[in-house]
Protein backbone atom coordinates (compact mmCIF):
# COMPACT_ATOMS: atom_id res chain seq x y z
CA MET A 1 8.25 51.57 21.02
CA ASN A 2 5.70 51.81 17.82
CA VAL A 3 6.66 50.47 14.49
CA ILE A 4 5.36 51.80 11.24
CA VAL A 5 5.39 49.47 8.41
CA GLN A 6 5.35 51.00 5.13
CA GLY A 7 5.68 50.09 1.42
CA PRO A 8 5.71 46.61 0.48
CA LEU A 9 6.53 45.20 3.71
CA ARG A 10 3.40 46.84 4.79
CA ALA A 11 1.52 44.85 1.70
CA LEU A 12 3.12 41.68 2.77
CA CYS A 13 2.06 42.05 6.57
CA VAL A 14 -1.59 42.66 5.64
CA PHE A 15 -1.34 39.67 3.45
CA LEU A 16 -0.37 37.52 6.03
CA ALA A 17 -2.97 38.81 8.61
CA LEU A 18 -5.68 38.17 5.66
CA ALA A 19 -4.24 34.94 4.93
CA SER A 20 -4.45 33.53 8.48
CA VAL A 21 -7.83 35.14 9.23
CA SER A 22 -9.02 32.89 6.22
CA THR A 23 -6.95 29.97 7.03
CA VAL A 24 -8.86 29.76 10.83
CA GLN A 25 -11.99 30.62 9.28
CA ALA A 26 -11.63 27.72 6.62
CA GLN A 27 -10.54 25.43 8.93
CA GLN A 28 -13.45 26.32 11.50
CA LEU A 29 -16.03 25.35 8.49
CA GLY A 30 -14.84 22.31 7.99
CA ALA A 31 -12.41 23.27 4.70
CA PRO A 32 -8.71 22.09 5.33
CA GLN A 33 -6.15 24.24 3.31
CA ALA A 34 -4.65 22.21 0.90
CA ASP A 35 -4.31 22.44 -2.62
CA VAL A 36 -5.89 19.25 -4.10
CA LEU A 37 -8.82 17.77 -1.61
CA THR A 38 -10.47 14.43 -1.99
CA LEU A 39 -13.71 13.20 -1.38
CA SER A 40 -15.63 9.72 -1.69
CA SER A 41 -18.60 10.38 -3.54
CA GLU A 42 -19.94 7.08 -2.60
CA ARG A 43 -20.07 7.60 1.22
CA MET A 44 -20.84 11.52 0.57
CA PHE A 45 -24.14 9.77 -1.16
CA SER A 46 -25.09 7.23 1.05
CA GLU A 47 -24.40 8.66 4.40
CA SER A 48 -26.13 11.85 3.51
CA LEU A 49 -30.02 12.22 4.55
CA PHE A 50 -30.69 12.62 1.10
CA GLY A 51 -28.68 9.02 -0.27
CA ARG A 52 -30.19 7.52 2.84
CA ARG A 53 -33.69 8.52 1.94
CA VAL A 54 -33.49 6.99 -1.61
CA MET A 55 -31.92 4.24 -0.61
CA ARG A 56 -34.58 3.04 1.81
CA GLU A 57 -37.36 4.18 -1.07
CA ILE A 58 -35.53 1.73 -3.33
CA GLU A 59 -35.02 -0.86 -0.89
CA SER A 60 -39.09 -0.21 -0.33
CA GLU A 61 -40.04 -0.62 -3.69
CA GLY A 62 -37.33 -3.42 -4.03
CA ALA A 63 -39.18 -5.62 -1.45
CA LEU A 64 -42.61 -4.83 -2.92
CA LEU A 65 -40.83 -5.95 -6.47
CA ALA A 66 -39.60 -9.20 -5.02
CA ALA A 67 -43.20 -10.14 -2.91
CA GLU A 68 -44.76 -9.47 -6.27
CA ASN A 69 -41.98 -11.65 -8.27
CA GLU A 70 -43.08 -14.56 -5.53
CA ARG A 71 -46.69 -14.10 -6.22
CA ILE A 72 -46.06 -14.55 -9.92
CA VAL A 73 -44.33 -17.23 -9.55
CA ALA A 74 -46.34 -19.21 -7.20
CA GLU A 75 -49.35 -18.58 -9.53
CA LEU A 76 -47.40 -19.60 -12.63
CA SER A 77 -45.72 -22.60 -10.61
CA LYS A 78 -49.75 -23.78 -9.84
CA GLU A 79 -50.69 -23.20 -13.56
CA GLU A 80 -47.97 -24.97 -14.89
CA LYS A 81 -48.68 -28.08 -12.60
CA ASP A 82 -52.21 -28.04 -13.83
CA LEU A 83 -50.99 -27.83 -17.17
CA THR A 84 -48.83 -30.84 -16.87
CA GLU A 85 -52.00 -33.06 -15.52
CA LYS A 86 -53.89 -31.98 -18.51
CA ARG A 87 -50.88 -33.21 -20.68
CA ALA A 88 -51.86 -36.54 -20.13
CA GLU A 89 -55.68 -36.31 -20.55
CA LEU A 90 -55.58 -34.12 -23.89
CA PRO A 91 -54.42 -34.97 -27.33
CA THR A 92 -51.14 -33.38 -28.69
CA ASP A 93 -53.18 -31.00 -30.87
CA GLU A 94 -55.53 -29.80 -28.11
CA PHE A 95 -52.37 -29.61 -25.65
CA ARG A 96 -50.06 -27.46 -27.40
CA PRO A 97 -51.59 -24.57 -27.72
CA LEU A 98 -52.13 -24.43 -24.06
CA ALA A 99 -48.49 -24.72 -23.62
CA GLU A 100 -47.49 -22.34 -26.19
CA ALA A 101 -49.70 -19.94 -24.59
CA PHE A 102 -48.54 -20.58 -21.02
CA ASP A 103 -44.71 -19.97 -22.47
CA ILE A 104 -46.04 -16.43 -23.85
CA LYS A 105 -47.61 -15.64 -20.14
CA VAL A 106 -44.11 -16.64 -18.45
CA GLN A 107 -42.06 -14.87 -21.39
CA SER A 108 -44.67 -11.77 -20.72
CA HIS A 109 -44.49 -11.82 -16.70
CA ARG A 110 -40.67 -12.42 -16.96
CA GLU A 111 -40.17 -9.32 -19.52
CA SER A 112 -42.32 -7.17 -17.36
CA GLN A 113 -40.67 -7.94 -14.26
CA ARG A 114 -36.96 -7.45 -15.81
CA ALA A 115 -38.47 -3.83 -17.01
CA LYS A 116 -39.74 -3.15 -13.14
CA LEU A 117 -36.01 -4.12 -12.15
CA ASP A 118 -34.96 -2.03 -14.86
CA ALA A 119 -36.77 1.06 -13.73
CA LEU A 120 -35.76 0.79 -10.43
CA ALA A 121 -32.29 0.84 -11.62
CA ARG A 122 -32.80 3.62 -13.16
CA GLN A 123 -34.65 5.79 -10.48
CA SER A 124 -31.46 5.07 -8.55
CA GLU A 125 -29.02 6.11 -10.85
CA GLU A 126 -31.07 9.07 -11.91
CA ALA A 127 -31.25 9.76 -7.90
CA ARG A 128 -27.45 9.83 -7.47
CA GLN A 129 -27.43 12.02 -10.60
CA THR A 130 -29.68 14.61 -8.99
CA PHE A 131 -27.84 14.07 -5.82
CA LEU A 132 -24.45 15.65 -7.86
CA VAL A 133 -26.06 18.19 -9.24
CA LEU A 134 -27.67 19.50 -6.02
CA VAL A 135 -24.47 18.94 -4.12
CA GLN A 136 -22.06 20.94 -6.70
CA PRO A 137 -22.69 24.45 -5.14
CA ILE A 138 -21.61 22.93 -1.87
CA LEU A 139 -18.35 21.25 -2.99
CA ILE A 140 -17.60 24.33 -5.01
CA GLU A 141 -18.36 26.21 -1.59
CA LEU A 142 -15.50 23.84 0.24
CA LEU A 143 -13.20 24.19 -2.52
CA ARG A 144 -12.98 27.65 -2.26
CA GLU A 145 -12.87 28.12 1.30
CA SER A 146 -10.05 25.54 1.56
CA GLY A 147 -8.12 27.13 -1.40
CA ALA A 148 -7.96 24.32 -3.54
CA SER A 149 -7.56 24.06 -7.28
CA VAL A 150 -9.28 20.76 -7.44
CA VAL A 151 -11.33 17.59 -5.60
CA ILE A 152 -10.14 14.10 -6.44
CA GLU A 153 -12.64 11.31 -5.87
CA ARG A 154 -10.73 9.32 -3.14
CA SER A 155 -10.81 6.15 -4.75
CA ASN A 156 -8.79 7.40 -7.32
CA VAL A 157 -6.01 8.73 -5.16
CA PHE A 158 -3.02 6.41 -4.65
CA LEU A 159 -2.00 7.84 -1.42
CA SER A 160 -2.94 11.26 0.96
CA SER A 161 -3.23 12.42 3.79
CA ASP A 162 -6.81 12.21 5.62
CA ARG A 163 -6.50 16.00 6.30
CA THR A 164 -7.32 16.62 2.77
CA ASP A 165 -10.93 14.48 2.77
CA VAL A 166 -13.49 16.96 2.88
CA THR A 167 -16.08 14.01 2.66
CA GLU A 168 -17.42 14.38 6.72
CA ALA A 169 -17.47 18.24 6.21
CA ALA A 170 -19.36 18.07 2.85
CA ILE A 171 -22.10 15.64 4.28
CA ALA A 172 -22.30 18.06 7.33
CA ARG A 173 -23.24 20.77 4.76
CA ILE A 174 -25.35 18.83 2.88
CA ASN A 175 -27.51 17.81 5.38
CA GLU A 176 -27.93 20.99 6.91
CA GLN A 177 -28.39 22.79 3.46
CA ILE A 178 -30.85 20.29 1.44
CA GLY A 179 -31.65 17.67 4.16
CA ASP A 180 -33.10 14.81 2.69
CA GLY A 181 -34.20 16.21 -0.53
CA SER A 182 -38.05 15.44 0.49
CA GLN A 183 -38.69 19.29 -0.05
CA LEU A 184 -37.31 19.76 -3.40
CA GLU A 185 -39.39 16.93 -4.72
CA THR A 186 -42.45 18.91 -3.03
CA GLU A 187 -41.03 22.42 -4.25
CA GLY A 188 -40.86 20.93 -7.89
CA LYS A 189 -44.34 19.48 -7.80
CA GLU A 190 -46.00 22.97 -6.91
């Protein structure tokens, strides 16, 4: 027995068939069907290959800065000790310029190290901003596939189903499409 469906009923059947196909495709691609999706941007960054590379670089530069700081502190401590010994030997009018010069040197080193630490923090923030720009098309793709109208930061949600969290899917796609991002920096320098 063949049933022929015509008119509005036929259109509804075609729509339902297409909707079920797109639902299956979206689920296969890691995008749940929901009106609102949640995402942990911190986790997306820190667990992605891009974020891990950036954090390793920042940690490495931070370790170099800490080592440099320790070396400077050791040098200044030695200089301070020598200056303290000279204090007993020199008249006040000869010692004062030496002490003032030492204070200026200490302040200069302190400001220089603080500037380097601030630059490192800016570098980290700039890398995060670059990351967000790079992943925006990937997140838009997830949004479209899921049929959702909005993606909300998971930490701002009071209560939600884990089913709406697309963080894992986003990380997988980011790793696949941009990797650790080092090739993007190479391309930008050419």
